[in-house]
Amino acid sequence: MTISYEKFKLKEVINASGRMTILGVSKVSENVLAAQKFGGEHFFEMSELSIQTGAYLAKLLKVEDAQVVSCASAGIAQSVAALIGEGSVYHAYHPYTEKVTKREIILPKGHNVDYGTPVEIMVQQGGGQVVEAGYANMCSSEHIEMMITDQTAAILYIKSHHTVQKSMLSVAEAATVAQKHKLPLIIDAAAEEDLFKYIEAGADLVIYSGAKAIEGPSAGLVIGKKEYIEWIRLQGKGIGRAMKIGKENILGFTQAVEEYVKNGSETGASMRARLAPFIEKLNTIPNLEAKVVQDGAGRDIYRASIKVSGPKSAKEVIQELKAKSPAIYTREYQANNGIIEFDIRSVNEAEMNKITKRLQEMMN
């Protein structure tokens, strides 16, 4: 059987937008594919597969326990439900029961973002009620603290380039507040590259996307305190049933984490070196001014940023790049400022040459 773009009438895609869900996020290694194949060809006691892969990952990541879930969003919803239910089987079967009233989840206002769906939707799916702290441009420890009541179930912190970066308390500061008030702290670190720092900073649960920095199959990972992870597993009897993950991806993702811990990801220095000739070529194209920029959230990720001038707007250039095959997807967040960014983590030299050629055709 041959699988091809043509078979399903699909365009080839060059992913210069980063590890984005709308494009399938990332590519997986041969070892990850082999682990998925093993999963697909065998049967398992699924509850044991969940527990044992969790224990294996926990040892790798130096945490009490871990749970593979279907995606980071599922991780948010199930973590919220777990901390509200506190291990109650009744709650797992009746997640929205009025008998449980302690449902407030405190979230910095600048963290209540839409990353493809609003953060508050995932909190609500877990039965939580978002309580925003601070303001769109500022949230301090005091802002979090003043929102705590006897109905507070947890504090949620979103570590993402989507969120407001200005005047925000750090994870460590949020952890200090959580510990002072004996509240669990959840960190959504979906696209983050460091699998250790947030637990070390004092978080109780940390959520990662399986297919972003880790470059695994569609999956999510929740790590942290053993009791809380057991409560998350209990959600399989409730809302987690609609978010279950298959054996193939559990094993493929576990392999991906093992490889990631051993090999890490591409360094910023490597990205800058690969970007240098790309930037040089882009700067020969009329109405484009290119430079290297670092990720807005401070990660060790570097991208090509081009300022578009002349008769075509940045938004028009973005749409034209997507129109043909291969469809070239870019980072569009600053298009209204005339800026387009190219994330090259999943782009090879041949694809960069295709991008340059397409832009030369469009802008000349």
Protein backbone atom coordinates (compact mmCIF):
# COMPACT_ATOMS: atom_id res chain seq x y z
CA MET A 1 0.00 0.00 0.00
CA THR A 2 1.34 3.42 -0.98
CA ILE A 3 0.57 6.50 1.08
CA SER A 4 1.03 9.81 -0.68
CA TYR A 5 -0.20 13.38 -0.72
CA GLU A 6 -1.86 12.64 -4.06
CA LYS A 7 -3.86 9.68 -2.73
CA PHE A 8 -5.84 11.99 -0.46
CA LYS A 9 -5.65 15.07 -2.70
CA LEU A 10 -3.48 16.93 -0.16
CA LYS A 11 -0.89 19.64 -0.61
CA GLU A 12 2.67 19.06 0.55
CA VAL A 13 3.46 21.35 3.48
CA ILE A 14 6.67 23.10 4.53
CA ASN A 15 6.26 23.80 8.21
CA ALA A 16 8.08 27.06 8.99
CA SER A 17 5.55 27.99 11.66
CA GLY A 18 6.95 25.77 14.43
CA ARG A 19 5.48 22.82 16.30
CA MET A 20 1.89 23.69 15.46
CA THR A 21 -1.16 21.48 15.99
CA ILE A 22 -2.78 22.65 12.74
CA LEU A 23 0.08 21.04 10.77
CA GLY A 24 0.42 17.82 12.75
CA VAL A 25 3.01 19.36 15.11
CA SER A 26 6.26 17.45 14.38
CA LYS A 27 7.96 14.52 12.71
CA VAL A 28 8.90 11.39 14.66
CA SER A 29 12.09 9.32 14.58
CA GLU A 30 12.54 5.78 13.28
CA ASN A 31 12.84 4.51 16.86
CA VAL A 32 9.55 6.16 17.80
CA LEU A 33 7.88 4.63 14.74
CA ALA A 34 9.28 1.23 15.75
CA ALA A 35 7.82 1.62 19.25
CA GLN A 36 4.46 2.58 17.76
CA LYS A 37 4.63 -0.46 15.47
CA PHE A 38 5.31 -2.73 18.47
CA GLY A 39 2.31 -1.21 20.22
CA GLY A 40 0.11 -1.71 17.19
CA GLU A 41 1.08 -5.35 16.81
CA HIS A 42 0.55 -6.44 20.43
CA PHE A 43 -2.04 -6.44 23.19
CA PHE A 44 -1.56 -5.09 26.70
CA GLU A 45 -3.40 -4.74 29.98
CA MET A 46 -4.01 -1.05 29.39
CA SER A 47 -4.19 -0.04 33.05
CA GLU A 48 -0.79 -1.66 33.63
CA LEU A 49 0.63 -0.09 30.46
CA SER A 50 -0.38 3.29 31.82
CA ILE A 51 1.08 2.66 35.27
CA GLN A 52 4.33 1.06 34.09
CA THR A 53 5.13 3.58 31.35
CA GLY A 54 4.32 6.29 33.90
CA ALA A 55 6.77 4.77 36.37
CA TYR A 56 9.42 4.45 33.65
CA LEU A 57 9.01 8.09 32.64
CA ALA A 58 8.98 9.22 36.26
CA LYS A 59 12.37 7.59 36.79
CA LEU A 60 13.75 9.27 33.65
CA LEU A 61 12.44 12.67 34.71
CA LYS A 62 13.21 12.33 38.43
CA VAL A 63 9.62 12.89 39.57
CA GLU A 64 7.24 10.93 41.79
CA ASP A 65 5.00 9.74 38.96
CA ALA A 66 3.87 10.48 35.40
CA GLN A 67 0.85 9.85 33.21
CA VAL A 68 0.69 9.80 29.42
CA VAL A 69 -2.51 11.44 28.18
CA SER A 70 -3.88 12.17 24.73
CA CYS A 71 -2.61 15.77 24.50
CA ALA A 72 -1.64 18.75 26.66
CA SER A 73 -5.20 20.11 26.55
CA ALA A 74 -6.45 16.81 27.96
CA GLY A 75 -3.77 17.18 30.58
CA ILE A 76 -5.24 20.51 31.69
CA ALA A 77 -8.83 19.23 31.82
CA GLN A 78 -7.95 16.02 33.66
CA SER A 79 -5.57 17.76 36.09
CA VAL A 80 -8.28 20.25 37.00
CA ALA A 81 -10.84 17.47 37.44
CA ALA A 82 -8.39 15.44 39.53
CA LEU A 83 -7.62 18.27 41.92
CA ILE A 84 -11.31 19.13 42.32
CA GLY A 85 -12.31 15.50 42.91
CA GLU A 86 -9.36 14.65 45.18
CA GLY A 87 -9.60 10.94 44.45
CA SER A 88 -13.37 10.62 44.83
CA VAL A 89 -14.80 7.89 42.62
CA TYR A 90 -18.22 9.53 42.97
CA HIS A 91 -16.77 12.74 41.56
CA ALA A 92 -15.11 10.87 38.68
CA TYR A 93 -18.54 9.52 37.69
CA HIS A 94 -20.25 12.86 38.40
CA PRO A 95 -17.62 15.50 37.55
CA TYR A 96 -20.05 18.42 37.51
CA THR A 97 -22.01 17.48 40.61
CA GLU A 98 -23.29 20.32 42.79
CA LYS A 99 -22.17 18.33 45.83
CA VAL A 100 -18.61 19.47 45.07
CA THR A 101 -18.32 23.25 45.36
CA LYS A 102 -14.57 23.81 45.69
CA ARG A 103 -13.95 24.48 42.00
CA GLU A 104 -12.14 27.82 41.63
CA ILE A 105 -8.96 27.72 39.53
CA ILE A 106 -6.90 30.90 39.82
CA LEU A 107 -5.27 31.95 36.56
CA PRO A 108 -3.29 35.13 35.78
CA LYS A 109 -5.49 37.24 33.50
CA GLY A 110 -2.73 37.49 30.90
CA HIS A 111 -2.58 33.69 30.80
CA ASN A 112 -6.23 33.23 29.82
CA VAL A 113 -5.31 32.97 26.15
CA ASP A 114 -6.57 31.18 23.06
CA TYR A 115 -3.90 28.72 21.88
CA GLY A 116 -6.27 27.03 19.42
CA THR A 117 -8.97 26.88 22.07
CA PRO A 118 -9.28 29.13 25.13
CA VAL A 119 -7.53 27.96 28.30
CA GLU A 120 -10.79 28.54 30.19
CA ILE A 121 -12.58 25.95 28.02
CA MET A 122 -10.21 23.23 29.22
CA VAL A 123 -10.62 24.37 32.82
CA GLN A 124 -14.40 24.30 32.45
CA GLN A 125 -14.25 20.87 30.83
CA GLY A 126 -12.50 19.67 33.96
CA GLY A 127 -15.31 21.17 36.05
CA GLY A 128 -13.32 24.20 37.15
CA GLN A 129 -14.31 27.84 37.35
CA VAL A 130 -11.66 30.28 36.15
CA VAL A 131 -10.88 33.13 38.53
CA GLU A 132 -8.65 35.67 36.80
CA ALA A 133 -5.94 37.34 38.87
CA GLY A 134 -4.23 40.62 38.07
CA TYR A 135 -4.57 42.44 34.78
CA ALA A 136 -3.82 41.88 31.10
CA ASN A 137 -0.43 43.58 31.48
CA MET A 138 0.49 42.60 35.04
CA CYS A 139 0.09 39.84 37.60
CA SER A 140 2.04 39.66 40.84
CA SER A 141 2.11 37.25 43.75
CA GLU A 142 -0.18 39.65 45.60
CA HIS A 143 -2.70 39.59 42.75
CA ILE A 144 -2.83 35.78 42.97
CA GLU A 145 -3.03 35.80 46.74
CA MET A 146 -5.92 38.25 46.95
CA MET A 147 -8.10 35.92 44.83
CA ILE A 148 -7.69 32.85 47.08
CA THR A 149 -10.83 31.74 48.92
CA ASP A 150 -12.03 28.59 50.63
CA GLN A 151 -13.39 27.57 47.21
CA THR A 152 -9.96 27.63 45.53
CA ALA A 153 -8.98 24.20 44.20
CA ALA A 154 -5.70 25.07 42.46
CA ILE A 155 -3.55 27.71 40.80
CA LEU A 156 -2.91 27.35 37.06
CA TYR A 157 0.06 28.95 35.30
CA ILE A 158 0.47 28.91 31.50
CA LYS A 159 4.10 29.00 30.30
CA SER A 160 3.75 29.91 26.66
CA HIS A 161 4.70 32.46 24.01
CA HIS A 162 0.94 33.02 23.62
CA THR A 163 0.69 34.60 27.06
CA VAL A 164 1.55 38.10 28.24
CA GLN A 165 5.25 38.13 29.15
CA LYS A 166 5.37 41.62 30.65
CA SER A 167 5.23 42.09 34.43
CA MET A 168 4.20 38.52 35.21
CA LEU A 169 5.16 36.61 38.32
CA SER A 170 7.55 33.70 37.79
CA VAL A 171 6.74 30.02 38.25
CA ALA A 172 8.82 30.02 41.43
CA GLU A 173 6.84 32.97 42.79
CA ALA A 174 3.56 31.23 41.96
CA ALA A 175 4.86 28.12 43.72
CA THR A 176 5.67 30.15 46.84
CA VAL A 177 2.09 31.44 46.97
CA ALA A 178 0.69 27.95 46.37
CA GLN A 179 2.82 26.41 49.11
CA LYS A 180 1.96 29.20 51.57
CA HIS A 181 -1.75 28.52 51.11
CA LYS A 182 -1.38 24.72 50.73
CA LEU A 183 -2.78 24.77 47.20
CA PRO A 184 -1.62 22.65 44.25
CA LEU A 185 0.09 24.48 41.38
CA ILE A 186 -0.45 23.27 37.80
CA ILE A 187 1.97 24.45 35.11
CA ASP A 188 0.90 24.10 31.49
CA ALA A 189 4.30 23.94 29.78
CA ALA A 190 3.01 22.40 26.55
CA ALA A 191 5.71 23.62 24.16
CA GLU A 192 8.50 24.08 26.70
CA GLU A 193 11.79 22.28 26.18
CA ASP A 194 12.97 21.77 29.78
CA LEU A 195 11.35 18.72 31.37
CA PHE A 196 12.89 19.34 34.79
CA LYS A 197 12.88 23.04 35.71
CA TYR A 198 9.21 23.54 36.60
CA ILE A 199 9.03 20.65 39.06
CA GLU A 200 12.31 21.92 40.52
CA ALA A 201 10.74 25.39 40.81
CA GLY A 202 7.97 23.98 43.02
CA ALA A 203 5.14 22.96 40.70
CA ASP A 204 2.93 20.05 41.76
CA LEU A 205 1.81 19.05 38.27
CA VAL A 206 3.48 19.96 34.97
CA ILE A 207 1.89 19.31 31.59
CA TYR A 208 3.80 18.89 28.30
CA SER A 209 2.74 18.29 24.73
CA GLY A 210 4.07 15.04 23.36
CA ALA A 211 4.48 16.21 19.79
CA LYS A 212 6.08 19.63 20.25
CA ALA A 213 9.56 19.93 21.76
CA ILE A 214 9.68 16.20 22.54
CA GLU A 215 8.87 15.31 18.88
CA GLY A 216 6.73 12.32 19.75
CA PRO A 217 3.38 11.20 18.36
CA SER A 218 0.11 12.84 19.40
CA ALA A 219 0.20 12.64 23.18
CA GLY A 220 0.54 14.66 26.33
CA LEU A 221 2.43 14.14 29.57
CA VAL A 222 1.55 15.07 33.13
CA ILE A 223 4.29 14.73 35.73
CA GLY A 224 4.36 15.48 39.44
CA LYS A 225 3.14 14.30 42.82
CA LYS A 226 2.18 10.63 42.93
CA GLU A 227 -1.16 11.19 44.67
CA TYR A 228 -2.23 13.77 42.09
CA ILE A 229 -1.17 11.53 39.19
CA GLU A 230 -3.26 8.70 40.66
CA TRP A 231 -6.21 11.08 40.79
CA ILE A 232 -5.61 11.89 37.11
CA ARG A 233 -5.66 8.18 36.22
CA LEU A 234 -9.00 7.95 38.00
CA GLN A 235 -10.43 10.38 35.43
CA GLY A 236 -10.43 7.49 32.95
CA LYS A 237 -13.72 6.54 34.61
CA GLY A 238 -15.05 10.03 33.85
CA ILE A 239 -14.09 12.81 31.48
CA GLY A 240 -10.80 11.10 30.64
CA ARG A 241 -12.67 8.35 28.79
CA ALA A 242 -13.29 10.76 25.92
CA MET A 243 -9.58 11.65 25.90
CA LYS A 244 -8.03 8.19 25.99
CA ILE A 245 -4.79 7.50 24.16
CA GLY A 246 -3.98 4.33 22.24
CA LYS A 247 -1.27 1.80 23.07
CA GLU A 248 0.72 2.72 19.95
CA ASN A 249 1.10 6.33 20.99
CA ILE A 250 1.77 5.55 24.65
CA LEU A 251 4.77 3.43 23.66
CA GLY A 252 5.86 5.76 20.86
CA PHE A 253 5.74 8.75 23.15
CA THR A 254 7.63 6.95 25.93
CA GLN A 255 10.39 6.20 23.42
CA ALA A 256 10.38 9.83 22.29
CA VAL A 257 10.89 11.07 25.86
CA GLU A 258 13.76 8.61 26.34
CA GLU A 259 15.45 9.92 23.18
CA TYR A 260 14.75 13.53 24.12
CA VAL A 261 16.27 13.19 27.59
CA LYS A 262 19.34 11.54 26.05
CA ASN A 263 19.84 13.77 23.00
CA GLY A 264 17.98 17.01 23.74
CA SER A 265 16.73 19.27 20.98
CA GLU A 266 18.50 21.45 18.45
CA THR A 267 20.46 24.20 20.16
CA GLY A 268 19.97 27.90 19.57
CA ALA A 269 23.55 28.10 18.26
CA SER A 270 22.75 25.45 15.63
CA MET A 271 19.59 27.32 14.59
CA ARG A 272 21.52 30.59 14.23
CA ALA A 273 24.15 28.87 12.09
CA ARG A 274 21.50 27.34 9.81
CA LEU A 275 19.67 30.65 9.62
CA ALA A 276 22.70 32.69 8.51
CA PRO A 277 22.70 31.75 4.79
CA PHE A 278 18.89 31.82 4.72
CA ILE A 279 18.84 35.38 6.09
CA GLU A 280 21.52 36.42 3.60
CA LYS A 281 19.43 35.17 0.65
CA LEU A 282 16.22 36.73 1.99
CA ASN A 283 17.94 40.12 2.18
CA THR A 284 18.59 40.02 -1.57
CA ILE A 285 14.83 39.94 -2.29
CA PRO A 286 13.13 43.29 -2.97
CA ASN A 287 10.87 44.69 -0.21
CA LEU A 288 12.09 42.19 2.39
CA GLU A 289 14.35 42.98 5.35
CA ALA A 290 15.43 39.89 7.27
CA LYS A 291 17.11 39.33 10.64
CA VAL A 292 17.42 36.65 13.33
CA VAL A 293 15.18 36.96 16.41
CA GLN A 294 14.84 34.92 19.59
CA ASP A 295 11.60 33.34 20.75
CA GLY A 296 9.38 35.83 22.56
CA ALA A 297 9.05 33.62 25.65
CA GLY A 298 12.83 33.48 26.08
CA ARG A 299 13.34 29.89 24.94
CA ASP A 300 16.58 28.94 23.16
CA ILE A 301 14.81 29.11 19.80
CA TYR A 302 15.84 31.44 16.98
CA ARG A 303 13.84 32.35 13.90
CA ALA A 304 14.08 34.40 10.72
CA SER A 305 12.02 37.59 10.95
CA ILE A 306 11.24 39.51 7.78
CA LYS A 307 9.79 42.97 7.52
CA VAL A 308 7.60 43.30 4.43
CA SER A 309 7.34 46.61 2.59
CA GLY A 310 6.22 47.68 -0.86
CA PRO A 311 2.93 46.93 -2.65
CA LYS A 312 2.18 43.63 -0.88
CA SER A 313 1.27 43.45 2.79
CA ALA A 314 2.64 40.80 5.13
CA LYS A 315 -0.83 39.23 5.30
CA GLU A 316 -0.96 38.98 1.50
CA VAL A 317 2.50 37.38 1.39
CA ILE A 318 1.44 34.85 4.04
CA GLN A 319 -1.65 33.86 2.05
CA GLU A 320 0.32 33.53 -1.20
CA LEU A 321 2.89 31.31 0.49
CA LYS A 322 0.10 28.94 1.56
CA ALA A 323 -1.70 28.93 -1.79
CA LYS A 324 0.51 26.59 -3.85
CA SER A 325 2.03 23.18 -3.25
CA PRO A 326 4.18 22.94 -1.26
CA ALA A 327 2.11 25.16 1.02
CA ILE A 328 4.54 27.21 3.11
CA TYR A 329 3.27 27.96 6.61
CA THR A 330 4.86 30.74 8.67
CA ARG A 331 4.36 32.37 12.05
CA GLU A 332 1.65 34.98 11.57
CA TYR A 333 1.43 36.59 15.02
CA GLN A 334 2.99 39.90 13.92
CA ALA A 335 1.49 40.14 10.44
CA ASN A 336 -0.46 43.26 11.42
CA ASN A 337 2.93 44.91 12.06
CA GLY A 338 4.21 43.85 8.63
CA ILE A 339 6.40 41.09 10.07
CA ILE A 340 6.54 37.38 9.18
CA GLU A 341 8.63 34.85 11.11
CA PHE A 342 10.06 31.55 9.88
CA ASP A 343 10.70 28.81 12.43
CA ILE A 344 13.28 26.44 10.93
CA ARG A 345 13.29 23.66 13.55
CA SER A 346 11.38 21.38 11.17
CA VAL A 347 12.78 22.90 7.95
CA ASN A 348 15.83 21.49 6.14
CA GLU A 349 18.17 23.29 3.74
CA ALA A 350 16.32 22.13 0.61
CA GLU A 351 13.04 23.45 2.04
CA MET A 352 14.66 26.77 2.95
CA ASN A 353 15.78 27.05 -0.68
CA LYS A 354 12.17 26.41 -1.79
CA ILE A 355 10.98 29.19 0.53
CA THR A 356 13.58 31.61 -0.86
CA LYS A 357 12.67 30.72 -4.45
CA ARG A 358 8.93 31.20 -3.80
CA LEU A 359 9.52 34.61 -2.19
CA GLN A 360 11.76 35.67 -5.09
CA GLU A 361 8.98 34.77 -7.53
CA MET A 362 6.37 36.62 -5.45
CA MET A 363 8.30 39.79 -4.67
CA ASN A 364 10.06 40.43 -8.00
